[in-house]
Protein backbone atom coordinates (compact mmCIF):
# COMPACT_ATOMS: atom_id res chain seq x y z
CA MET A 1 -7.14 140.48 138.96
CA PRO A 2 -9.54 137.66 137.94
CA ARG A 3 -10.45 135.02 140.46
CA PRO A 4 -8.42 131.80 140.15
CA LEU A 5 -10.26 129.14 138.15
CA ILE A 6 -10.77 125.93 140.13
CA GLY A 7 -11.86 122.71 138.43
CA ILE A 8 -14.11 120.28 140.35
CA THR A 9 -14.51 116.66 139.26
CA THR A 10 -18.03 115.31 138.92
CA TYR A 11 -20.08 112.23 139.69
CA VAL A 12 -21.24 110.23 136.68
CA GLU A 13 -24.64 108.62 137.18
CA GLU A 14 -26.11 106.36 134.50
CA SER A 15 -29.69 107.13 135.47
CA THR A 16 -30.67 110.41 137.11
CA ARG A 17 -34.27 111.55 137.45
CA PHE A 18 -34.95 115.28 137.31
CA ARG A 19 -38.08 117.03 136.10
CA VAL A 20 -39.32 114.96 133.13
CA TRP A 21 -35.94 113.39 132.33
CA ASP A 22 -34.25 110.13 133.32
CA VAL A 23 -30.83 110.25 131.65
CA ALA A 24 -27.13 109.69 132.25
CA THR A 25 -25.78 112.78 134.05
CA SER A 26 -22.52 114.35 135.17
CA LEU A 27 -23.17 116.24 138.40
CA VAL A 28 -21.79 117.32 141.75
CA PRO A 29 -23.49 118.68 144.89
CA THR A 30 -23.76 122.47 144.88
CA GLY A 31 -21.77 122.70 148.11
CA TYR A 32 -18.55 122.16 146.16
CA HIS A 33 -18.83 125.13 143.82
CA GLU A 34 -20.38 127.27 146.57
CA LEU A 35 -17.37 126.56 148.80
CA VAL A 36 -14.93 127.45 146.02
CA GLN A 37 -16.81 130.70 145.43
CA ALA A 38 -17.02 131.52 149.14
CA ALA A 39 -13.25 131.04 149.35
CA GLY A 40 -12.65 133.53 146.54
CA GLY A 41 -12.36 131.26 143.51
CA ALA A 42 -14.35 130.74 140.33
CA ALA A 43 -15.59 127.18 139.82
CA VAL A 44 -15.85 125.02 136.72
CA LEU A 45 -17.08 121.40 136.62
CA LEU A 46 -14.95 118.68 135.04
CA PRO A 47 -16.85 115.68 133.63
CA PRO A 48 -14.76 112.71 132.47
CA ASP A 49 -13.01 113.31 129.17
CA GLU A 50 -11.08 111.24 126.66
CA PRO A 51 -7.98 109.44 128.01
CA GLY A 52 -4.85 111.49 127.59
CA THR A 53 -6.57 114.90 127.75
CA ALA A 54 -6.06 115.66 131.44
CA ALA A 55 -2.95 117.82 130.96
CA GLU A 56 -4.71 119.86 128.26
CA VAL A 57 -7.75 120.44 130.47
CA LEU A 58 -5.65 121.40 133.49
CA SER A 59 -3.53 123.84 131.45
CA ARG A 60 -6.55 126.19 131.53
CA LEU A 61 -7.05 125.94 135.30
CA ASP A 62 -5.36 127.35 138.39
CA GLY A 63 -6.35 124.60 140.83
CA LEU A 64 -8.09 121.22 141.09
CA VAL A 65 -10.65 119.79 143.53
CA VAL A 66 -11.17 116.03 143.36
CA ALA A 67 -14.65 115.55 144.78
CA GLY A 68 -16.16 112.83 146.94
CA GLY A 69 -18.09 109.88 145.58
CA PRO A 70 -17.98 106.09 145.16
CA ASP A 71 -15.22 103.78 146.35
CA VAL A 72 -11.99 103.65 144.36
CA ASP A 73 -11.78 100.25 142.69
CA PRO A 74 -9.32 98.12 144.73
CA VAL A 75 -7.78 96.86 141.48
CA ARG A 76 -6.21 100.34 141.29
CA TYR A 77 -4.09 99.54 144.36
CA GLY A 78 -3.64 95.83 143.82
CA ALA A 79 -6.04 94.53 146.48
CA PRO A 80 -8.77 91.90 146.32
CA ARG A 81 -12.28 93.31 146.53
CA ASP A 82 -13.87 93.33 149.98
CA PRO A 83 -17.57 92.38 149.73
CA ARG A 84 -18.44 95.68 151.46
CA THR A 85 -16.68 97.74 148.76
CA GLY A 86 -19.05 99.46 146.36
CA PRO A 87 -19.29 98.69 142.64
CA PRO A 88 -16.46 100.03 140.45
CA ALA A 89 -16.70 103.48 138.88
CA THR A 90 -14.22 102.66 136.12
CA GLN A 91 -14.57 105.79 134.01
CA ARG A 92 -14.31 108.09 137.00
CA ASP A 93 -11.31 106.24 138.47
CA GLU A 94 -9.46 106.43 135.17
CA TRP A 95 -10.17 110.13 134.64
CA GLU A 96 -9.47 111.31 138.18
CA LEU A 97 -6.24 109.33 138.55
CA GLU A 98 -5.12 110.83 135.24
CA LEU A 99 -6.09 114.32 136.42
CA ILE A 100 -4.18 113.89 139.68
CA ALA A 101 -1.06 112.65 137.89
CA ALA A 102 -1.19 115.55 135.42
CA ALA A 103 -1.80 118.09 138.21
CA LEU A 104 1.17 116.80 140.20
CA ALA A 105 3.38 116.92 137.09
CA ALA A 106 2.32 120.53 136.50
CA ASP A 107 2.61 121.59 140.17
CA LEU A 108 -1.06 122.56 140.11
CA PRO A 109 -2.62 123.05 143.56
CA VAL A 110 -4.80 120.05 144.44
CA LEU A 111 -7.42 119.41 147.12
CA GLY A 112 -8.83 115.90 147.44
CA ILE A 113 -12.11 115.56 149.35
CA CYS A 114 -13.17 112.19 150.83
CA ARG A 115 -12.91 109.85 147.80
CA GLY A 116 -10.64 112.53 146.32
CA MET A 117 -8.19 112.14 149.21
CA GLN A 118 -8.26 108.37 148.74
CA ALA A 119 -7.69 108.75 144.99
CA LEU A 120 -4.72 111.05 145.70
CA ASN A 121 -3.23 108.41 147.97
CA VAL A 122 -3.78 105.67 145.38
CA ALA A 123 -2.37 107.83 142.56
CA LEU A 124 0.88 108.01 144.54
CA GLY A 125 1.03 104.26 145.12
CA GLY A 126 -0.77 104.05 148.46
CA THR A 127 -3.47 101.62 149.59
CA LEU A 128 -6.84 101.85 151.33
CA VAL A 129 -8.63 100.10 154.18
CA GLN A 130 -11.79 98.93 152.42
CA HIS A 131 -14.11 99.13 155.42
CA ILE A 132 -14.13 100.87 158.78
CA ASP A 133 -16.98 101.40 161.20
CA GLY A 134 -18.01 104.56 163.00
CA HIS A 135 -17.68 107.19 160.26
CA VAL A 136 -21.15 106.79 158.71
CA GLU A 137 -24.15 107.41 160.96
CA ALA A 138 -26.80 106.18 158.52
CA PRO A 139 -27.25 106.08 154.72
CA GLY A 140 -27.50 109.63 153.44
CA VAL A 141 -26.83 111.22 156.85
CA MET A 142 -23.68 113.20 157.63
CA SER A 143 -22.16 112.65 161.06
CA TRP A 144 -19.73 114.97 162.83
CA HIS A 145 -16.58 114.16 164.77
CA PRO A 146 -13.39 115.96 165.81
CA VAL A 147 -10.14 115.83 163.85
CA ARG A 148 -6.78 116.70 165.33
CA PRO A 149 -4.12 118.45 163.22
CA VAL A 150 -0.52 117.25 163.15
CA ALA A 151 1.77 120.09 164.24
CA GLY A 152 4.03 121.51 161.56
CA THR A 153 1.85 120.52 158.61
CA ARG A 154 0.18 122.72 156.02
CA TYR A 155 -3.23 121.65 157.32
CA ALA A 156 -2.28 122.62 160.89
CA ALA A 157 -1.23 126.05 159.63
CA LEU A 158 -4.73 126.49 158.14
CA VAL A 159 -6.69 124.91 161.02
CA PRO A 160 -4.48 124.84 164.14
CA GLU A 161 -7.15 123.66 166.57
CA GLU A 162 -9.11 120.42 166.94
CA ALA A 163 -12.17 120.91 164.75
CA GLU A 164 -15.55 119.21 164.35
CA VAL A 165 -16.03 118.14 160.74
CA PRO A 166 -18.85 116.54 158.70
CA THR A 167 -17.97 112.99 157.70
CA TYR A 168 -19.42 110.22 155.57
CA HIS A 169 -17.02 107.44 154.59
CA HIS A 170 -16.45 103.75 155.20
CA GLN A 171 -12.94 103.53 153.73
CA ALA A 172 -9.68 105.18 154.77
CA VAL A 173 -5.99 105.51 153.98
CA GLU A 174 -3.94 102.46 154.91
CA GLU A 175 -0.40 102.67 153.45
CA LEU A 176 0.59 106.21 152.51
CA GLY A 177 1.48 107.01 148.92
CA ARG A 178 4.93 108.21 147.89
CA GLY A 179 5.99 111.40 149.66
CA LEU A 180 2.73 111.91 151.53
CA VAL A 181 2.51 112.63 155.25
CA VAL A 182 -0.45 112.50 157.63
CA SER A 183 -1.65 115.95 158.69
CA ALA A 184 -4.74 115.11 160.79
CA HIS A 185 -6.26 112.15 162.65
CA ALA A 186 -9.66 111.28 164.06
CA VAL A 187 -9.83 110.37 167.74
CA ASP A 188 -9.89 106.67 166.78
CA GLY A 189 -6.63 107.07 164.83
CA THR A 190 -8.16 107.12 161.34
CA VAL A 191 -6.12 109.23 158.92
CA GLU A 192 -8.22 112.33 158.25
CA ALA A 193 -5.85 114.50 156.20
CA ILE A 194 -2.75 113.94 154.08
CA GLU A 195 -0.44 116.24 152.17
CA LEU A 196 2.83 116.57 150.32
CA PRO A 197 5.26 118.35 152.67
CA ASP A 198 6.79 120.43 149.86
CA PRO A 199 6.57 124.18 150.55
CA ASP A 200 6.47 124.87 146.81
CA ARG A 201 3.58 122.48 146.04
CA TRP A 202 0.07 122.76 147.52
CA VAL A 203 -1.32 119.21 147.62
CA VAL A 204 -3.75 118.32 150.43
CA GLY A 205 -6.41 115.68 150.97
CA VAL A 206 -9.12 115.68 153.65
CA GLN A 207 -11.28 112.69 154.48
CA TRP A 208 -14.30 114.76 155.53
CA HIS A 209 -16.66 116.99 153.54
CA PRO A 210 -15.81 120.71 153.89
CA GLU A 211 -18.47 121.48 151.28
CA ARG A 212 -21.04 120.55 153.95
CA ASP A 213 -19.59 123.04 156.45
CA LYS A 214 -19.26 126.81 156.72
CA ASP A 215 -15.52 126.68 157.47
CA THR A 216 -13.75 127.87 154.31
CA ARG A 217 -10.17 127.70 155.61
CA VAL A 218 -9.00 124.59 153.76
CA MET A 219 -10.56 125.67 150.47
CA ALA A 220 -9.21 129.19 150.98
CA GLY A 221 -5.75 127.65 151.22
CA LEU A 222 -6.22 126.00 147.83
CA VAL A 223 -7.62 129.18 146.27
CA ALA A 224 -4.75 131.28 147.64
CA ALA A 225 -2.19 128.81 146.25
CA ALA A 226 -4.00 128.84 142.89
CA ALA A 227 -3.97 132.66 142.85
CA ASP A 228 -0.25 132.72 143.60
CA ARG A 229 0.43 130.24 140.81
CA ALA A 230 -1.69 132.24 138.36
CA ALA A 231 0.21 135.42 139.25
CA THR A 232 3.63 133.80 138.76
CA PRO A 233 5.12 134.44 135.29
CA VAL A 234 5.70 131.30 133.24
CA ARG A 235 9.41 130.56 133.05
C-alpha cells in the first residue's frame, strides 16, 4: 500500500539569497518533510495557489500540515494590531485559512504547527493573544519547556506524559474557535495544543515545533489517520 500523501504549507519570502540567486521563494525547513517521512508518510509542499483552488488541491492528498511562520494578521480575527505583532503575510493567511476550511469540510486529517495551530483556531472563529513573554529565548534560538497533556484528549492518547518540547512563539490562543478543546498546557497556563474532540475527525494543533525534535508521535498520529482515510472506500 502506498504511503499516505501529506501536504505541507510553505513560507513565502519575497527575497531569498541562495547560491547566486536573490529571488522570491516558496520554502519550508527540511524538518517538516523529514518528520512526515520518519512517521511513515510521503511529503509534498504546498505553495500558495489561486483563491478557490484549495478543495481541488486537497482532493489529491491524504492529510495536511499547516506549518509555522509569521504572525496571523489580527484583522483575520477582528482585533486591532498590537505594535509587537509582525507584518501581515496576506497571501499566506488567505491560502492557509482556505486550506483549513476545505480540509475540515472534507474531513481531511489536519495538523497545525505553531502558526498553523493559531491559524486553525482563527479559521474556526477563535482569537489570539498577540504577545506573551517566556516562549522565545532569543531571535533564531529554540527554547525547550514542558507541556502537560489534558487527560482524555487525542493528544494525551499519543503523548500521555509531560514532555519537553522545542518552542519559538510570542503569540498564543486566547478564545477557542468553534468546537475546539484544549489538549495540552505549558506550566504557565499557555495553551499548547488544541483539537476537535470528534472521534471520526483527526484535527490537532500544537504550539511547539515537533519538526525540531526526534519525537514522531504526533506526526505519526496524523499519518495513521491519513492512511486510514486513504484506505476507506469513497461512499
